[in-house]
Amino acid sequence: MGLFDGIFKRKDKQQGKPDFSSVQSGGSSTAPSSTSPSPTTTDPFAGSPAGRSYTVVQGDSLSKIAKHHYGDANKWRTIYDANKDLIKDPDLIYPGQSFRIP
């Protein structure tokens, strides 16, 4: 028992461990990121059933693009299925490629 144990009681011992279950990951900056994905200004797929397009930037993956557009990285297959004619391997996409976003 230390000298200050009776004076300064630790809250985490009294109340249990802190609950971080509602904390979400991600940045808090409102400044635009130079590495953040950016949509194309000209749509090479205009008139297509999808209606939107996205140009791949360095560091992108189909799951990152899905997270950006749908809020769920697990929806990467939706983008892959809409672009099978352009994507031979879903693990290999390249900067400059433009994909339909259904």
PDB file of N, CA and C in Angstrom:
ATOM      1  N   MET A   1       0.838  -1.165   0.000  1.00  0.00           N
ATOM      2  CA  MET A   1       0.000   0.000   0.000  1.00  0.00           C
ATOM      3  C   MET A   1       0.885   1.231   0.000  1.00  0.00           C
ATOM      4  N   GLY A   2       0.627   2.139  -0.946  1.00  0.00           N
ATOM      5  CA  GLY A   2       1.425   3.346  -1.084  1.00  0.00           C
ATOM      6  C   GLY A   2       0.924   4.458  -0.193  1.00  0.00           C
ATOM      7  N   LEU A   3       1.705   5.485  -0.086  1.00  0.00           N
ATOM      8  CA  LEU A   3       1.408   6.625   0.761  1.00  0.00           C
ATOM      9  C   LEU A   3       0.107   7.317   0.376  1.00  0.00           C
ATOM     10  N   PHE A   4      -0.190   7.436  -0.926  1.00  0.00           N
ATOM     11  CA  PHE A   4      -1.355   8.184  -1.387  1.00  0.00           C
ATOM     12  C   PHE A   4      -2.550   7.301  -1.750  1.00  0.00           C
ATOM     13  N   ASP A   5      -2.470   6.023  -1.535  1.00  0.00           N
ATOM     14  CA  ASP A   5      -3.554   5.112  -1.916  1.00  0.00           C
ATOM     15  C   ASP A   5      -4.884   5.459  -1.262  1.00  0.00           C
ATOM     16  N   GLY A   6      -4.873   5.881  -0.031  1.00  0.00           N
ATOM     17  CA  GLY A   6      -6.106   6.218   0.661  1.00  0.00           C
ATOM     18  C   GLY A   6      -6.677   7.562   0.240  1.00  0.00           C
ATOM     19  N   ILE A   7      -5.808   8.473  -0.256  1.00  0.00           N
ATOM     20  CA  ILE A   7      -6.245   9.816  -0.627  1.00  0.00           C
ATOM     21  C   ILE A   7      -6.757   9.859  -2.060  1.00  0.00           C
ATOM     22  N   PHE A   8      -5.976   9.292  -2.965  1.00  0.00           N
ATOM     23  CA  PHE A   8      -6.317   9.333  -4.396  1.00  0.00           C
ATOM     24  C   PHE A   8      -6.741   7.944  -4.844  1.00  0.00           C
ATOM     25  N   LYS A   9      -8.000   7.713  -4.884  1.00  0.00           N
ATOM     26  CA  LYS A   9      -8.501   6.415  -5.332  1.00  0.00           C
ATOM     27  C   LYS A   9      -8.677   6.462  -6.836  1.00  0.00           C
ATOM     28  N   ARG A  10      -8.232   5.421  -7.480  1.00  0.00           N
ATOM     29  CA  ARG A  10      -8.333   5.357  -8.937  1.00  0.00           C
ATOM     30  C   ARG A  10      -9.757   5.065  -9.339  1.00  0.00           C
ATOM     31  N   LYS A  11     -10.269   5.863 -10.245  1.00  0.00           N
ATOM     32  CA  LYS A  11     -11.650   5.689 -10.697  1.00  0.00           C
ATOM     33  C   LYS A  11     -11.859   4.373 -11.417  1.00  0.00           C
ATOM     34  N   ASP A  12     -10.832   3.929 -12.199  1.00  0.00           N
ATOM     35  CA  ASP A  12     -11.027   2.699 -12.961  1.00  0.00           C
ATOM     36  C   ASP A  12     -11.136   1.478 -12.045  1.00  0.00           C
ATOM     37  N   LYS A  13     -10.574   1.535 -10.842  1.00  0.00           N
ATOM     38  CA  LYS A  13     -10.728   0.423  -9.908  1.00  0.00           C
ATOM     39  C   LYS A  13     -12.096   0.463  -9.246  1.00  0.00           C
ATOM     40  N   GLN A  14     -12.627   1.680  -9.039  1.00  0.00           N
ATOM     41  CA  GLN A  14     -13.929   1.810  -8.412  1.00  0.00           C
ATOM     42  C   GLN A  14     -15.056   1.496  -9.381  1.00  0.00           C
ATOM     43  N   GLN A  15     -14.942   1.943 -10.607  1.00  0.00           N
ATOM     44  CA  GLN A  15     -16.052   1.849 -11.558  1.00  0.00           C
ATOM     45  C   GLN A  15     -15.830   0.811 -12.650  1.00  0.00           C
ATOM     46  N   GLY A  16     -14.767   0.079 -12.610  1.00  0.00           N
ATOM     47  CA  GLY A  16     -14.464  -0.863 -13.671  1.00  0.00           C
ATOM     48  C   GLY A  16     -13.706  -0.168 -14.781  1.00  0.00           C
ATOM     49  N   LYS A  17     -13.405  -0.875 -15.806  1.00  0.00           N
ATOM     50  CA  LYS A  17     -12.635  -0.309 -16.917  1.00  0.00           C
ATOM     51  C   LYS A  17     -13.500   0.608 -17.761  1.00  0.00           C
ATOM     52  N   PRO A  18     -12.880   1.624 -18.384  1.00  0.00           N
ATOM     53  CA  PRO A  18     -13.658   2.533 -19.231  1.00  0.00           C
ATOM     54  C   PRO A  18     -14.252   1.803 -20.429  1.00  0.00           C
ATOM     55  N   ASP A  19     -15.397   2.257 -20.877  1.00  0.00           N
ATOM     56  CA  ASP A  19     -16.097   1.649 -22.003  1.00  0.00           C
ATOM     57  C   ASP A  19     -15.844   2.461 -23.265  1.00  0.00           C
ATOM     58  N   PHE A  20     -15.122   1.885 -24.215  1.00  0.00           N
ATOM     59  CA  PHE A  20     -14.819   2.550 -25.471  1.00  0.00           C
ATOM     60  C   PHE A  20     -15.599   1.933 -26.633  1.00  0.00           C
ATOM     61  N   SER A  21     -16.667   1.234 -26.358  1.00  0.00           N
ATOM     62  CA  SER A  21     -17.401   0.519 -27.403  1.00  0.00           C
ATOM     63  C   SER A  21     -18.045   1.451 -28.427  1.00  0.00           C
ATOM     64  N   SER A  22     -18.292   2.703 -28.061  1.00  0.00           N
ATOM     65  CA  SER A  22     -18.940   3.614 -29.007  1.00  0.00           C
ATOM     66  C   SER A  22     -17.933   4.480 -29.773  1.00  0.00           C
ATOM     67  N   VAL A  23     -16.636   4.300 -29.532  1.00  0.00           N
ATOM     68  CA  VAL A  23     -15.618   5.101 -30.199  1.00  0.00           C
ATOM     69  C   VAL A  23     -15.426   4.591 -31.611  1.00  0.00           C
ATOM     70  N   GLN A  24     -15.376   5.523 -32.576  1.00  0.00           N
ATOM     71  CA  GLN A  24     -15.160   5.156 -33.964  1.00  0.00           C
ATOM     72  C   GLN A  24     -13.787   5.619 -34.397  1.00  0.00           C
ATOM     73  N   SER A  25     -13.151   4.850 -35.266  1.00  0.00           N
ATOM     74  CA  SER A  25     -11.837   5.228 -35.765  1.00  0.00           C
ATOM     75  C   SER A  25     -11.986   6.248 -36.880  1.00  0.00           C
ATOM     76  N   GLY A  26     -10.887   6.895 -37.211  1.00  0.00           N
ATOM     77  CA  GLY A  26     -10.894   7.854 -38.308  1.00  0.00           C
ATOM     78  C   GLY A  26     -10.310   9.179 -37.878  1.00  0.00           C
ATOM     79  N   GLY A  27     -10.003   9.995 -38.837  1.00  0.00           N
ATOM     80  CA  GLY A  27      -9.431  11.294 -38.553  1.00  0.00           C
ATOM     81  C   GLY A  27     -10.482  12.295 -38.135  1.00  0.00           C
ATOM     82  N   SER A  28     -10.022  13.357 -37.518  1.00  0.00           N
ATOM     83  CA  SER A  28     -10.955  14.382 -37.077  1.00  0.00           C
ATOM     84  C   SER A  28     -10.754  15.692 -37.820  1.00  0.00           C
ATOM     85  N   SER A  29      -9.838  15.714 -38.758  1.00  0.00           N
ATOM     86  CA  SER A  29      -9.559  16.946 -39.486  1.00  0.00           C
ATOM     87  C   SER A  29     -10.618  17.209 -40.541  1.00  0.00           C
ATOM     88  N   THR A  30     -10.945  18.480 -40.710  1.00  0.00           N
ATOM     89  CA  THR A  30     -11.883  18.847 -41.767  1.00  0.00           C
ATOM     90  C   THR A  30     -11.139  19.311 -43.015  1.00  0.00           C
ATOM     91  N   ALA A  31      -9.818  19.377 -42.922  1.00  0.00           N
ATOM     92  CA  ALA A  31      -9.011  19.783 -44.074  1.00  0.00           C
ATOM     93  C   ALA A  31      -8.976  18.646 -45.086  1.00  0.00           C
ATOM     94  N   PRO A  32      -8.999  18.967 -46.378  1.00  0.00           N
ATOM     95  CA  PRO A  32      -8.939  17.903 -47.379  1.00  0.00           C
ATOM     96  C   PRO A  32      -7.586  17.211 -47.335  1.00  0.00           C
ATOM     97  N   SER A  33      -7.607  15.923 -47.501  1.00  0.00           N
ATOM     98  CA  SER A  33      -6.384  15.127 -47.489  1.00  0.00           C
ATOM     99  C   SER A  33      -5.852  14.995 -48.908  1.00  0.00           C
ATOM    100  N   SER A  34      -4.542  15.094 -49.049  1.00  0.00           N
ATOM    101  CA  SER A  34      -3.957  14.986 -50.381  1.00  0.00           C
ATOM    102  C   SER A  34      -3.993  13.552 -50.883  1.00  0.00           C
ATOM    103  N   THR A  35      -4.143  12.565 -49.986  1.00  0.00           N
ATOM    104  CA  THR A  35      -4.189  11.168 -50.394  1.00  0.00           C
ATOM    105  C   THR A  35      -5.597  10.621 -50.422  1.00  0.00           C
ATOM    106  N   SER A  36      -6.591  11.460 -50.125  1.00  0.00           N
ATOM    107  CA  SER A  36      -7.961  10.965 -50.102  1.00  0.00           C
ATOM    108  C   SER A  36      -8.480  10.757 -51.520  1.00  0.00           C
ATOM    109  N   PRO A  37      -9.295   9.730 -51.719  1.00  0.00           N
ATOM    110  CA  PRO A  37      -9.838   9.486 -53.045  1.00  0.00           C
ATOM    111  C   PRO A  37     -10.692  10.653 -53.509  1.00  0.00           C
ATOM    112  N   SER A  38     -10.603  10.940 -54.789  1.00  0.00           N
ATOM    113  CA  SER A  38     -11.422  12.022 -55.322  1.00  0.00           C
ATOM    114  C   SER A  38     -12.144  11.547 -56.570  1.00  0.00           C
ATOM    115  N   PRO A  39     -13.404  11.864 -56.694  1.00  0.00           N
ATOM    116  CA  PRO A  39     -14.151  11.433 -57.877  1.00  0.00           C
ATOM    117  C   PRO A  39     -13.696  12.206 -59.105  1.00  0.00           C
ATOM    118  N   THR A  40     -13.961  11.636 -60.258  1.00  0.00           N
ATOM    119  CA  THR A  40     -13.578  12.302 -61.494  1.00  0.00           C
ATOM    120  C   THR A  40     -14.521  13.458 -61.764  1.00  0.00           C
ATOM    121  N   THR A  41     -14.017  14.457 -62.494  1.00  0.00           N
ATOM    122  CA  THR A  41     -14.871  15.578 -62.847  1.00  0.00           C
ATOM    123  C   THR A  41     -15.610  15.292 -64.154  1.00  0.00           C
ATOM    124  N   THR A  42     -14.993  14.509 -65.025  1.00  0.00           N
ATOM    125  CA  THR A  42     -15.684  14.083 -66.238  1.00  0.00           C
ATOM    126  C   THR A  42     -16.008  12.614 -66.078  1.00  0.00           C
ATOM    127  N   ASP A  43     -17.203  12.256 -66.416  1.00  0.00           N
ATOM    128  CA  ASP A  43     -17.671  10.897 -66.208  1.00  0.00           C
ATOM    129  C   ASP A  43     -17.546  10.091 -67.497  1.00  0.00           C
ATOM    130  N   PRO A  44     -16.545   9.187 -67.572  1.00  0.00           N
ATOM    131  CA  PRO A  44     -16.405   8.378 -68.785  1.00  0.00           C
ATOM    132  C   PRO A  44     -17.537   7.383 -68.948  1.00  0.00           C
ATOM    133  N   PHE A  45     -18.337   7.196 -67.926  1.00  0.00           N
ATOM    134  CA  PHE A  45     -19.444   6.257 -67.978  1.00  0.00           C
ATOM    135  C   PHE A  45     -20.788   6.974 -67.999  1.00  0.00           C
ATOM    136  N   ALA A  46     -20.800   8.229 -68.413  1.00  0.00           N
ATOM    137  CA  ALA A  46     -22.058   8.982 -68.470  1.00  0.00           C
ATOM    138  C   ALA A  46     -23.035   8.236 -69.366  1.00  0.00           C
ATOM    139  N   GLY A  47     -24.247   8.125 -68.909  1.00  0.00           N
ATOM    140  CA  GLY A  47     -25.266   7.405 -69.668  1.00  0.00           C
ATOM    141  C   GLY A  47     -25.300   5.931 -69.347  1.00  0.00           C
ATOM    142  N   SER A  48     -24.320   5.451 -68.581  1.00  0.00           N
ATOM    143  CA  SER A  48     -24.329   4.039 -68.209  1.00  0.00           C
ATOM    144  C   SER A  48     -25.343   3.835 -67.088  1.00  0.00           C
ATOM    145  N   PRO A  49     -25.793   2.604 -66.885  1.00  0.00           N
ATOM    146  CA  PRO A  49     -26.770   2.354 -65.840  1.00  0.00           C
ATOM    147  C   PRO A  49     -26.265   2.741 -64.450  1.00  0.00           C
ATOM    148  N   ALA A  50     -24.950   2.731 -64.255  1.00  0.00           N
ATOM    149  CA  ALA A  50     -24.393   3.027 -62.937  1.00  0.00           C
ATOM    150  C   ALA A  50     -24.570   4.498 -62.591  1.00  0.00           C
ATOM    151  N   GLY A  51     -24.243   5.395 -63.522  1.00  0.00           N
ATOM    152  CA  GLY A  51     -24.446   6.809 -63.287  1.00  0.00           C
ATOM    153  C   GLY A  51     -23.302   7.539 -62.633  1.00  0.00           C
ATOM    154  N   ARG A  52     -22.448   6.869 -61.857  1.00  0.00           N
ATOM    155  CA  ARG A  52     -21.309   7.511 -61.210  1.00  0.00           C
ATOM    156  C   ARG A  52     -20.037   6.800 -61.629  1.00  0.00           C
ATOM    157  N   SER A  53     -18.921   7.523 -61.506  1.00  0.00           N
ATOM    158  CA  SER A  53     -17.642   6.886 -61.773  1.00  0.00           C
ATOM    159  C   SER A  53     -16.630   7.343 -60.740  1.00  0.00           C
ATOM    160  N   TYR A  54     -15.537   6.625 -60.666  1.00  0.00           N
ATOM    161  CA  TYR A  54     -14.476   6.937 -59.732  1.00  0.00           C
ATOM    162  C   TYR A  54     -13.155   6.621 -60.400  1.00  0.00           C
ATOM    163  N   THR A  55     -12.188   7.518 -60.264  1.00  0.00           N
ATOM    164  CA  THR A  55     -10.850   7.285 -60.788  1.00  0.00           C
ATOM    165  C   THR A  55      -9.934   6.904 -59.635  1.00  0.00           C
ATOM    166  N   VAL A  56      -9.264   5.795 -59.785  1.00  0.00           N
ATOM    167  CA  VAL A  56      -8.389   5.252 -58.755  1.00  0.00           C
ATOM    168  C   VAL A  56      -7.189   6.168 -58.543  1.00  0.00           C
ATOM    169  N   VAL A  57      -6.842   6.382 -57.275  1.00  0.00           N
ATOM    170  CA  VAL A  57      -5.633   7.113 -56.910  1.00  0.00           C
ATOM    171  C   VAL A  57      -4.695   6.150 -56.188  1.00  0.00           C
ATOM    172  N   GLN A  58      -3.432   6.532 -56.086  1.00  0.00           N
ATOM    173  CA  GLN A  58      -2.441   5.675 -55.447  1.00  0.00           C
ATOM    174  C   GLN A  58      -2.866   5.339 -54.023  1.00  0.00           C
ATOM    175  N   GLY A  59      -2.751   4.070 -53.658  1.00  0.00           N
ATOM    176  CA  GLY A  59      -3.125   3.615 -52.323  1.00  0.00           C
ATOM    177  C   GLY A  59      -4.547   3.099 -52.228  1.00  0.00           C
ATOM    178  N   ASP A  60      -5.328   3.243 -53.292  1.00  0.00           N
ATOM    179  CA  ASP A  60      -6.707   2.761 -53.288  1.00  0.00           C
ATOM    180  C   ASP A  60      -6.775   1.245 -53.365  1.00  0.00           C
ATOM    181  N   SER A  61      -7.875   0.720 -52.889  1.00  0.00           N
ATOM    182  CA  SER A  61      -8.257  -0.677 -53.070  1.00  0.00           C
ATOM    183  C   SER A  61      -9.764  -0.663 -53.280  1.00  0.00           C
ATOM    184  N   LEU A  62     -10.292  -1.760 -53.758  1.00  0.00           N
ATOM    185  CA  LEU A  62     -11.741  -1.807 -53.955  1.00  0.00           C
ATOM    186  C   LEU A  62     -12.471  -1.633 -52.627  1.00  0.00           C
ATOM    187  N   SER A  63     -11.914  -2.157 -51.550  1.00  0.00           N
ATOM    188  CA  SER A  63     -12.577  -2.002 -50.254  1.00  0.00           C
ATOM    189  C   SER A  63     -12.528  -0.552 -49.773  1.00  0.00           C
ATOM    190  N   LYS A  64     -11.432   0.161 -50.039  1.00  0.00           N
ATOM    191  CA  LYS A  64     -11.363   1.583 -49.661  1.00  0.00           C
ATOM    192  C   LYS A  64     -12.368   2.402 -50.463  1.00  0.00           C
ATOM    193  N   ILE A  65     -12.494   2.086 -51.738  1.00  0.00           N
ATOM    194  CA  ILE A  65     -13.448   2.798 -52.592  1.00  0.00           C
ATOM    195  C   ILE A  65     -14.876   2.507 -52.117  1.00  0.00           C
ATOM    196  N   ALA A  66     -15.158   1.248 -51.779  1.00  0.00           N
ATOM    197  CA  ALA A  66     -16.484   0.879 -51.284  1.00  0.00           C
ATOM    198  C   ALA A  66     -16.778   1.592 -49.965  1.00  0.00           C
ATOM    199  N   LYS A  67     -15.803   1.680 -49.094  1.00  0.00           N
ATOM    200  CA  LYS A  67     -15.990   2.382 -47.819  1.00  0.00           C
ATOM    201  C   LYS A  67     -16.313   3.854 -48.069  1.00  0.00           C
ATOM    202  N   HIS A  68     -15.629   4.461 -49.045  1.00  0.00           N
ATOM    203  CA  HIS A  68     -15.838   5.872 -49.379  1.00  0.00           C
ATOM    204  C   HIS A  68     -17.243   6.113 -49.952  1.00  0.00           C
ATOM    205  N   HIS A  69     -17.688   5.244 -50.844  1.00  0.00           N
ATOM    206  CA  HIS A  69     -18.966   5.458 -51.530  1.00  0.00           C
ATOM    207  C   HIS A  69     -20.174   4.874 -50.804  1.00  0.00           C
ATOM    208  N   TYR A  70     -19.982   3.737 -50.140  1.00  0.00           N
ATOM    209  CA  TYR A  70     -21.113   3.060 -49.513  1.00  0.00           C
ATOM    210  C   TYR A  70     -21.068   3.077 -47.985  1.00  0.00           C
ATOM    211  N   GLY A  71     -19.929   3.461 -47.421  1.00  0.00           N
ATOM    212  CA  GLY A  71     -19.787   3.427 -45.974  1.00  0.00           C
ATOM    213  C   GLY A  71     -19.521   2.035 -45.438  1.00  0.00           C
ATOM    214  N   ASP A  72     -19.261   1.074 -46.329  1.00  0.00           N
ATOM    215  CA  ASP A  72     -19.026  -0.310 -45.925  1.00  0.00           C
ATOM    216  C   ASP A  72     -17.982  -0.922 -46.845  1.00  0.00           C
ATOM    217  N   ALA A  73     -16.796  -1.186 -46.306  1.00  0.00           N
ATOM    218  CA  ALA A  73     -15.700  -1.744 -47.105  1.00  0.00           C
ATOM    219  C   ALA A  73     -16.032  -3.131 -47.649  1.00  0.00           C
ATOM    220  N   ASN A  74     -16.941  -3.840 -46.992  1.00  0.00           N
ATOM    221  CA  ASN A  74     -17.295  -5.191 -47.431  1.00  0.00           C
ATOM    222  C   ASN A  74     -18.124  -5.202 -48.713  1.00  0.00           C
ATOM    223  N   LYS A  75     -18.520  -4.048 -49.202  1.00  0.00           N
ATOM    224  CA  LYS A  75     -19.294  -3.983 -50.447  1.00  0.00           C
ATOM    225  C   LYS A  75     -18.390  -3.814 -51.665  1.00  0.00           C
ATOM    226  N   TRP A  76     -17.104  -4.143 -51.544  1.00  0.00           N
ATOM    227  CA  TRP A  76     -16.161  -4.018 -52.652  1.00  0.00           C
ATOM    228  C   TRP A  76     -16.589  -4.858 -53.853  1.00  0.00           C
ATOM    229  N   ARG A  77     -17.234  -5.996 -53.596  1.00  0.00           N
ATOM    230  CA  ARG A  77     -17.630  -6.889 -54.694  1.00  0.00           C
ATOM    231  C   ARG A  77     -18.667  -6.222 -55.612  1.00  0.00           C
ATOM    232  N   THR A  78     -19.477  -5.302 -55.076  1.00  0.00           N
ATOM    233  CA  THR A  78     -20.449  -4.576 -55.892  1.00  0.00           C
ATOM    234  C   THR A  78     -19.724  -3.791 -56.985  1.00  0.00           C
ATOM    235  N   ILE A  79     -18.625  -3.143 -56.613  1.00  0.00           N
ATOM    236  CA  ILE A  79     -17.834  -2.388 -57.585  1.00  0.00           C
ATOM    237  C   ILE A  79     -17.145  -3.349 -58.544  1.00  0.00           C
ATOM    238  N   TYR A  80     -16.595  -4.424 -58.009  1.00  0.00           N
ATOM    239  CA  TYR A  80     -15.924  -5.421 -58.853  1.00  0.00           C
ATOM    240  C   TYR A  80     -16.892  -6.007 -59.883  1.00  0.00           C
ATOM    241  N   ASP A  81     -18.084  -6.406 -59.439  1.00  0.00           N
ATOM    242  CA  ASP A  81     -19.055  -7.006 -60.353  1.00  0.00           C
ATOM    243  C   ASP A  81     -19.477  -6.041 -61.465  1.00  0.00           C
ATOM    244  N   ALA A  82     -19.554  -4.748 -61.152  1.00  0.00           N
ATOM    245  CA  ALA A  82     -19.950  -3.757 -62.151  1.00  0.00           C
ATOM    246  C   ALA A  82     -18.819  -3.428 -63.130  1.00  0.00           C
ATOM    247  N   ASN A  83     -17.601  -3.865 -62.808  1.00  0.00           N
ATOM    248  CA  ASN A  83     -16.440  -3.509 -63.626  1.00  0.00           C
ATOM    249  C   ASN A  83     -15.582  -4.708 -64.005  1.00  0.00           C
ATOM    250  N   LYS A  84     -16.192  -5.883 -64.074  1.00  0.00           N
ATOM    251  CA  LYS A  84     -15.431  -7.092 -64.407  1.00  0.00           C
ATOM    252  C   LYS A  84     -14.726  -6.980 -65.757  1.00  0.00           C
ATOM    253  N   ASP A  85     -15.282  -6.171 -66.649  1.00  0.00           N
ATOM    254  CA  ASP A  85     -14.644  -5.985 -67.955  1.00  0.00           C
ATOM    255  C   ASP A  85     -13.349  -5.182 -67.843  1.00  0.00           C
ATOM    256  N   LEU A  86     -13.172  -4.447 -66.752  1.00  0.00           N
ATOM    257  CA  LEU A  86     -11.983  -3.613 -66.553  1.00  0.00           C
ATOM    258  C   LEU A  86     -11.020  -4.173 -65.511  1.00  0.00           C
ATOM    259  N   ILE A  87     -11.533  -4.996 -64.605  1.00  0.00           N
ATOM    260  CA  ILE A  87     -10.726  -5.513 -63.496  1.00  0.00           C
ATOM    261  C   ILE A  87     -10.509  -7.009 -63.693  1.00  0.00           C
ATOM    262  N   LYS A  88      -9.286  -7.383 -63.964  1.00  0.00           N
ATOM    263  CA  LYS A  88      -8.976  -8.810 -64.123  1.00  0.00           C
ATOM    264  C   LYS A  88      -8.767  -9.483 -62.774  1.00  0.00           C
ATOM    265  N   ASP A  89      -8.122  -8.760 -61.830  1.00  0.00           N
ATOM    266  CA  ASP A  89      -7.851  -9.271 -60.487  1.00  0.00           C
ATOM    267  C   ASP A  89      -8.276  -8.188 -59.492  1.00  0.00           C
ATOM    268  N   PRO A  90      -9.244  -8.464 -58.614  1.00  0.00           N
ATOM    269  CA  PRO A  90      -9.726  -7.426 -57.700  1.00  0.00           C
ATOM    270  C   PRO A  90      -8.661  -6.921 -56.726  1.00  0.00           C
ATOM    271  N   ASP A  91      -7.559  -7.647 -56.574  1.00  0.00           N
ATOM    272  CA  ASP A  91      -6.477  -7.198 -55.704  1.00  0.00           C
ATOM    273  C   ASP A  91      -5.486  -6.294 -56.437  1.00  0.00           C
ATOM    274  N   LEU A  92      -5.654  -6.162 -57.756  1.00  0.00           N
ATOM    275  CA  LEU A  92      -4.725  -5.353 -58.545  1.00  0.00           C
ATOM    276  C   LEU A  92      -5.481  -4.286 -59.330  1.00  0.00           C
ATOM    277  N   ILE A  93      -5.589  -3.115 -58.746  1.00  0.00           N
ATOM    278  CA  ILE A  93      -6.148  -1.971 -59.464  1.00  0.00           C
ATOM    279  C   ILE A  93      -5.062  -0.904 -59.500  1.00  0.00           C
ATOM    280  N   TYR A  94      -5.155  -0.003 -60.467  1.00  0.00           N
ATOM    281  CA  TYR A  94      -4.055   0.923 -60.714  1.00  0.00           C
ATOM    282  C   TYR A  94      -4.545   2.368 -60.750  1.00  0.00           C
ATOM    283  N   PRO A  95      -3.688   3.297 -60.285  1.00  0.00           N
ATOM    284  CA  PRO A  95      -4.042   4.716 -60.386  1.00  0.00           C
ATOM    285  C   PRO A  95      -4.361   5.094 -61.833  1.00  0.00           C
ATOM    286  N   GLY A  96      -5.403   5.865 -62.002  1.00  0.00           N
ATOM    287  CA  GLY A  96      -5.831   6.292 -63.324  1.00  0.00           C
ATOM    288  C   GLY A  96      -6.978   5.482 -63.885  1.00  0.00           C
ATOM    289  N   GLN A  97      -7.213   4.279 -63.373  1.00  0.00           N
ATOM    290  CA  GLN A  97      -8.352   3.489 -63.830  1.00  0.00           C
ATOM    291  C   GLN A  97      -9.643   4.155 -63.380  1.00  0.00           C
ATOM    292  N   SER A  98     -10.658   4.119 -64.225  1.00  0.00           N
ATOM    293  CA  SER A  98     -11.970   4.655 -63.876  1.00  0.00           C
ATOM    294  C   SER A  98     -12.964   3.511 -63.793  1.00  0.00           C
ATOM    295  N   PHE A  99     -13.723   3.496 -62.703  1.00  0.00           N
ATOM    296  CA  PHE A  99     -14.693   2.434 -62.463  1.00  0.00           C
ATOM    297  C   PHE A  99     -16.101   3.003 -62.331  1.00  0.00           C
ATOM    298  N   ARG A 100     -17.070   2.220 -62.777  1.00  0.00           N
ATOM    299  CA  ARG A 100     -18.479   2.538 -62.550  1.00  0.00           C
ATOM    300  C   ARG A 100     -18.791   2.274 -61.084  1.00  0.00           C
ATOM    301  N   ILE A 101     -19.541   3.172 -60.478  1.00  0.00           N
ATOM    302  CA  ILE A 101     -19.974   2.991 -59.089  1.00  0.00           C
ATOM    303  C   ILE A 101     -21.499   2.851 -59.111  1.00  0.00           C
ATOM    304  N   PRO A 102     -21.979   1.611 -58.998  1.00  0.00           N
ATOM    305  CA  PRO A 102     -23.432   1.380 -59.060  1.00  0.00           C
ATOM    306  C   PRO A 102     -24.151   1.932 -57.839  1.00  0.00           C
TER     307      PRO A 102
END
